Amino acid sequence: MIDTHCHLTFPDFAGRVDGVMASAAAAGVTGAITISTQSQDAQAGLMLAESHPAIWCAAGVHPLYSDQGPHDWAAIRRVASHDRCVAFGELGLDNHHGRPARDVQDRVLAHQLAFIESCIADGIDKPVIIHGRKAVDDLLPVLRSSTIPPDRYVFHCFTETPDHARMVLDFGAMISFTAVVTYKNAGEVAEAAKLVPGDRLMVETDAPFLSPEPVRGRRPCEPAYCRYTAQHLAKIRGVPFAEFHDQIDRNTERFFGIEVPTPEPGALQAVIP
């Protein structure tokens, strides 16, 4: 499997990405997609992806950074056009933190969706990673008004209710889960994870945040820990782990258009560091 959403350009990983990726590979997590928060971050992510065969990147402006303009859309387009960039994002809305102001978030989201539509029209056709913390109800009408097909979206780090999961699934998007699904106080997230069809689900860390049980609280979270979350999801869904990780690999390959690297023999049985 690969970690479909992490932030390897964050200071937590400065000067140690090689070691982080080696630890991930030893745990059977054979790659990672590093996600951008703004244009400078997107360019740094591409530099990592160009220098590491097991890293890919995404290009976009995170809603929590929407007020940190001016945003260099030309730079984001250049990153998005590179073959090591496999998605736009992350973008969306955030109603949890109370900042930036929603009118700023709304304006940047509308501009970014129009920007992606123009990129797709010019042949830069990549899927879209959505951040929607406490904002599913607000996001879905906006996404429906876009010309981007629903099956090209993934709602990452899904922490909403089963009803919200059904709304996203009815819309037609993918859903990706982080370690939150392993937490004992996140029963609704676990229930949401149980109802997602096997071909609509992916797994991520959102590293350096959200270390899973049994290493909850360890900082930084690392791509290797994606395996803990995958194992937990397989267990609560009642699916053998080998079958589950084969399914999420197929989903990842289909959605992002990449080939998940094969783990070393014994990696999936190894003890996670």
Protein backbone atom coordinates (compact mmCIF):
# COMPACT_ATOMS: atom_id res chain seq x y z
CA MET A 1 0.00 0.00 0.00
CA ILE A 2 1.02 3.65 -0.16
CA ASP A 3 0.22 6.59 2.10
CA THR A 4 -2.11 8.52 -0.18
CA HIS A 5 -1.96 11.76 1.82
CA CYS A 6 0.89 13.17 3.91
CA HIS A 7 2.92 16.38 4.17
CA LEU A 8 6.58 15.45 3.73
CA THR A 9 7.57 19.08 3.10
CA PHE A 10 6.63 20.07 6.65
CA PRO A 11 9.49 20.93 9.07
CA ASP A 12 8.94 17.65 10.96
CA PHE A 13 10.58 15.80 8.07
CA ALA A 14 13.34 18.25 7.16
CA GLY A 15 16.55 16.38 6.35
CA ARG A 16 15.09 12.97 7.14
CA VAL A 17 12.79 12.04 4.27
CA ASP A 18 15.10 9.22 3.12
CA GLY A 19 14.93 7.59 6.55
CA VAL A 20 11.19 8.12 6.83
CA MET A 21 10.60 6.43 3.49
CA ALA A 22 12.96 3.56 4.39
CA SER A 23 10.98 2.96 7.60
CA ALA A 24 7.76 3.04 5.60
CA ALA A 25 9.06 0.49 3.10
CA ALA A 26 10.13 -1.81 5.94
CA ALA A 27 6.52 -1.72 7.17
CA GLY A 28 5.13 -2.52 3.71
CA VAL A 29 4.14 1.09 2.93
CA THR A 30 5.97 1.39 -0.36
CA GLY A 31 5.22 4.97 -1.34
CA ALA A 32 3.62 8.26 -0.38
CA ILE A 33 1.85 11.22 -1.95
CA THR A 34 2.96 14.51 -0.39
CA ILE A 35 0.16 17.07 -0.50
CA SER A 36 0.57 20.82 -0.84
CA THR A 37 -0.98 23.62 1.17
CA GLN A 38 0.05 26.53 -1.09
CA SER A 39 2.16 27.23 -4.17
CA GLN A 40 5.58 27.24 -2.46
CA ASP A 41 4.73 23.96 -0.78
CA ALA A 42 3.63 22.48 -4.12
CA GLN A 43 7.00 23.32 -5.66
CA ALA A 44 8.85 21.81 -2.70
CA GLY A 45 6.70 18.69 -2.98
CA LEU A 46 7.60 18.31 -6.64
CA MET A 47 11.30 18.56 -5.79
CA LEU A 48 10.86 15.67 -3.34
CA ALA A 49 8.90 13.65 -5.88
CA GLU A 50 11.55 14.17 -8.54
CA SER A 51 14.27 12.93 -6.21
CA HIS A 52 12.46 9.92 -4.66
CA PRO A 53 10.96 7.22 -6.90
CA ALA A 54 8.44 6.25 -4.19
CA ILE A 55 7.10 9.79 -3.66
CA TRP A 56 4.48 11.61 -5.73
CA CYS A 57 2.96 15.04 -5.08
CA ALA A 58 -0.18 17.13 -5.40
CA ALA A 59 -0.66 20.84 -6.13
CA GLY A 60 -3.22 23.17 -4.59
CA VAL A 61 -4.17 25.67 -1.88
CA HIS A 62 -5.47 24.33 1.44
CA PRO A 63 -8.47 26.24 2.84
CA LEU A 64 -6.57 27.04 6.05
CA TYR A 65 -3.95 28.78 3.89
CA SER A 66 -6.46 30.53 1.64
CA ASP A 67 -5.74 33.91 3.23
CA GLN A 68 -1.98 33.63 2.69
CA GLY A 69 -1.96 35.04 -0.83
CA PRO A 70 -1.25 36.12 -3.39
CA HIS A 71 -1.36 32.54 -4.64
CA ASP A 72 0.92 31.69 -7.55
CA TRP A 73 -1.49 29.81 -9.79
CA ALA A 74 1.04 29.69 -12.61
CA ALA A 75 3.44 27.79 -10.32
CA ILE A 76 0.66 25.41 -9.25
CA ARG A 77 -0.15 24.79 -12.91
CA ARG A 78 3.50 24.03 -13.67
CA VAL A 79 3.62 21.51 -10.83
CA ALA A 80 0.29 19.98 -11.83
CA SER A 81 1.52 19.45 -15.39
CA HIS A 82 4.48 17.33 -14.21
CA ASP A 83 4.10 13.56 -14.38
CA ARG A 84 5.21 13.21 -10.72
CA CYS A 85 2.19 15.28 -9.68
CA VAL A 86 -0.83 13.01 -9.46
CA ALA A 87 -3.58 15.29 -8.11
CA PHE A 88 -4.82 18.79 -7.44
CA GLY A 89 -5.12 19.61 -3.77
CA GLU A 90 -5.75 19.78 -1.12
CA LEU A 91 -8.56 22.27 -1.43
CA GLY A 92 -11.99 22.78 0.05
CA LEU A 93 -13.58 24.33 3.13
CA ASP A 94 -12.90 24.11 6.87
CA ASN A 95 -15.57 25.02 9.44
CA HIS A 96 -13.69 23.57 12.41
CA HIS A 97 -11.01 26.18 13.10
CA GLY A 98 -13.05 29.35 12.57
CA ARG A 99 -10.37 30.80 10.31
CA PRO A 100 -9.72 32.05 7.72
CA ALA A 101 -13.01 33.85 7.22
CA ARG A 102 -15.47 31.80 5.20
CA ASP A 103 -15.79 34.46 2.52
CA VAL A 104 -12.04 34.12 1.88
CA GLN A 105 -12.27 30.33 1.82
CA ASP A 106 -15.29 30.46 -0.50
CA ARG A 107 -13.59 32.84 -2.90
CA VAL A 108 -10.37 30.80 -3.13
CA LEU A 109 -12.31 27.56 -3.54
CA ALA A 110 -14.39 28.98 -6.39
CA HIS A 111 -11.29 30.32 -8.10
CA GLN A 112 -9.42 27.05 -7.60
CA LEU A 113 -12.20 24.91 -9.05
CA ALA A 114 -12.39 27.17 -12.10
CA PHE A 115 -8.60 26.97 -12.36
CA ILE A 116 -8.73 23.14 -12.27
CA GLU A 117 -11.46 23.11 -14.91
CA SER A 118 -9.23 25.19 -17.18
CA CYS A 119 -6.27 22.87 -16.53
CA ILE A 120 -8.39 19.83 -17.38
CA ALA A 121 -9.56 21.52 -20.57
CA ASP A 122 -5.90 21.98 -21.49
CA GLY A 123 -5.12 18.31 -20.92
CA ILE A 124 -3.85 18.46 -17.30
CA ASP A 125 -6.41 15.95 -16.10
CA LYS A 126 -5.70 14.99 -12.49
CA PRO A 127 -8.07 13.98 -9.64
CA VAL A 128 -8.92 16.38 -6.82
CA ILE A 129 -8.23 15.98 -3.09
CA ILE A 130 -10.91 17.61 -0.93
CA HIS A 131 -10.52 18.94 2.61
CA GLY A 132 -13.97 19.19 4.16
CA ARG A 133 -13.72 19.28 7.93
CA LYS A 134 -17.20 20.00 9.31
CA ALA A 135 -18.07 21.25 5.83
CA VAL A 136 -19.57 18.39 3.81
CA ASP A 137 -22.98 20.09 3.65
CA ASP A 138 -21.41 23.31 2.36
CA LEU A 139 -19.06 21.63 -0.09
CA LEU A 140 -21.31 19.26 -1.99
CA PRO A 141 -23.46 21.96 -3.69
CA VAL A 142 -20.28 23.78 -4.76
CA LEU A 143 -18.72 20.62 -6.18
CA ARG A 144 -21.95 19.69 -7.95
CA SER A 145 -21.87 23.04 -9.73
CA SER A 146 -18.42 22.26 -11.12
CA THR A 147 -17.87 20.43 -14.41
CA ILE A 148 -15.35 18.10 -12.69
CA PRO A 149 -16.83 14.57 -12.58
CA PRO A 150 -17.78 13.44 -9.06
CA ASP A 151 -15.66 10.30 -9.28
CA ARG A 152 -12.56 12.50 -9.65
CA TYR A 153 -12.86 13.74 -6.05
CA VAL A 154 -11.66 12.12 -2.84
CA PHE A 155 -12.77 13.44 0.55
CA HIS A 156 -9.58 13.00 2.54
CA CYS A 157 -9.22 12.52 6.33
CA PHE A 158 -12.90 11.72 6.65
CA THR A 159 -14.02 12.46 10.21
CA GLU A 160 -17.72 13.08 9.68
CA THR A 161 -20.87 11.08 10.42
CA PRO A 162 -22.23 8.02 8.61
CA ASP A 163 -24.94 10.26 7.15
CA HIS A 164 -22.28 12.54 5.71
CA ALA A 165 -20.48 9.50 4.29
CA ARG A 166 -23.70 8.47 2.54
CA MET A 167 -24.01 11.98 1.10
CA VAL A 168 -20.48 11.85 -0.28
CA LEU A 169 -21.04 8.37 -1.69
CA ASP A 170 -24.34 9.41 -3.28
CA PHE A 171 -22.48 12.33 -4.84
CA GLY A 172 -20.03 9.83 -6.36
CA ALA A 173 -16.71 10.65 -4.66
CA MET A 174 -14.10 8.47 -2.95
CA ILE A 175 -13.52 8.58 0.81
CA SER A 176 -10.13 8.30 2.55
CA PHE A 177 -9.57 7.52 6.22
CA THR A 178 -6.78 8.48 8.61
CA ALA A 179 -5.87 7.18 12.06
CA VAL A 180 -8.91 8.94 13.52
CA VAL A 181 -10.83 5.77 12.63
CA THR A 182 -8.64 3.88 15.15
CA TYR A 183 -9.52 6.17 18.08
CA LYS A 184 -11.90 4.85 20.72
CA ASN A 185 -13.73 8.18 20.87
CA ALA A 186 -14.42 8.22 17.11
CA GLY A 187 -17.21 5.68 16.90
CA GLU A 188 -19.11 7.58 14.21
CA VAL A 189 -16.05 7.61 11.97
CA ALA A 190 -15.70 3.84 12.38
CA GLU A 191 -19.37 3.37 11.49
CA ALA A 192 -18.88 5.55 8.41
CA ALA A 193 -15.87 3.44 7.40
CA LYS A 194 -17.91 0.26 7.60
CA LEU A 195 -20.46 1.43 5.07
CA VAL A 196 -18.08 2.65 2.33
CA PRO A 197 -17.96 0.17 -0.58
CA GLY A 198 -14.58 -1.51 -0.97
CA ASP A 199 -13.90 0.14 -4.32
CA ARG A 200 -14.56 3.66 -2.99
CA LEU A 201 -12.10 3.68 -0.05
CA MET A 202 -8.47 4.73 0.47
CA VAL A 203 -6.11 5.00 3.45
CA GLU A 204 -3.74 7.79 4.50
CA THR A 205 -1.89 9.26 7.48
CA ASP A 206 -2.10 13.05 7.01
CA ALA A 207 1.39 12.93 8.57
CA PRO A 208 2.89 14.63 10.54
CA PHE A 209 -0.50 14.72 12.26
CA LEU A 210 -2.77 12.00 13.69
CA SER A 211 -0.64 9.05 14.76
CA PRO A 212 -2.87 5.98 15.08
CA GLU A 213 -3.46 3.60 17.91
CA PRO A 214 -1.30 1.99 19.30
CA VAL A 215 1.14 4.93 18.89
CA ARG A 216 -1.41 7.72 19.34
CA GLY A 217 0.28 10.89 20.53
CA ARG A 218 3.61 10.10 18.89
CA ARG A 219 4.80 13.09 16.85
CA PRO A 220 5.46 13.18 14.03
CA CYS A 221 3.17 10.62 12.53
CA GLU A 222 4.96 8.93 9.62
CA PRO A 223 3.84 7.15 6.42
CA ALA A 224 4.81 3.79 7.98
CA TYR A 225 1.87 4.18 10.37
CA CYS A 226 -0.53 3.96 7.44
CA ARG A 227 -0.35 0.22 7.96
CA TYR A 228 -1.85 0.49 11.46
CA THR A 229 -4.85 2.30 10.03
CA ALA A 230 -5.22 -0.18 7.17
CA GLN A 231 -5.08 -3.13 9.56
CA HIS A 232 -7.71 -1.53 11.79
CA LEU A 233 -10.00 -0.81 8.84
CA ALA A 234 -9.69 -4.38 7.60
CA LYS A 235 -10.59 -5.65 11.08
CA ILE A 236 -13.68 -3.50 11.62
CA ARG A 237 -14.88 -4.21 8.07
CA GLY A 238 -14.40 -7.95 8.60
CA VAL A 239 -12.03 -8.38 5.66
CA PRO A 240 -8.74 -10.32 5.70
CA PHE A 241 -5.83 -7.87 5.69
CA ALA A 242 -4.28 -9.31 2.51
CA GLU A 243 -7.59 -8.89 0.67
CA PHE A 244 -8.09 -5.39 2.08
CA HIS A 245 -4.68 -4.04 1.13
CA ASP A 246 -5.01 -5.52 -2.37
CA GLN A 247 -8.29 -3.63 -2.72
CA ILE A 248 -6.92 -0.29 -1.53
CA ASP A 249 -3.92 -0.70 -3.84
CA ARG A 250 -6.27 -1.16 -6.80
CA ASN A 251 -8.28 1.88 -5.70
CA THR A 252 -5.13 3.98 -5.37
CA GLU A 253 -3.83 2.93 -8.76
CA ARG A 254 -7.16 3.61 -10.46
CA PHE A 255 -7.77 6.98 -8.80
CA PHE A 256 -4.27 8.48 -8.98
CA GLY A 257 -3.10 6.70 -12.11
CA ILE A 258 0.04 5.29 -10.48
CA GLU A 259 1.45 1.83 -9.89
CA VAL A 260 1.84 0.96 -6.22
CA PRO A 261 5.37 -0.43 -5.69
CA THR A 262 5.59 -4.05 -4.52
CA PRO A 263 6.79 -4.48 -0.91
CA GLU A 264 9.88 -6.45 -0.02
CA PRO A 265 9.21 -10.07 0.99
CA GLY A 266 8.07 -10.19 4.60
CA ALA A 267 7.42 -6.44 4.90
CA LEU A 268 3.71 -6.86 5.55
CA GLN A 269 4.50 -9.25 8.40
CA ALA A 270 7.24 -7.05 9.88
CA VAL A 271 6.85 -5.19 13.15
CA ILE A 272 6.18 -1.51 12.50
CA PRO A 273 8.93 0.72 13.93
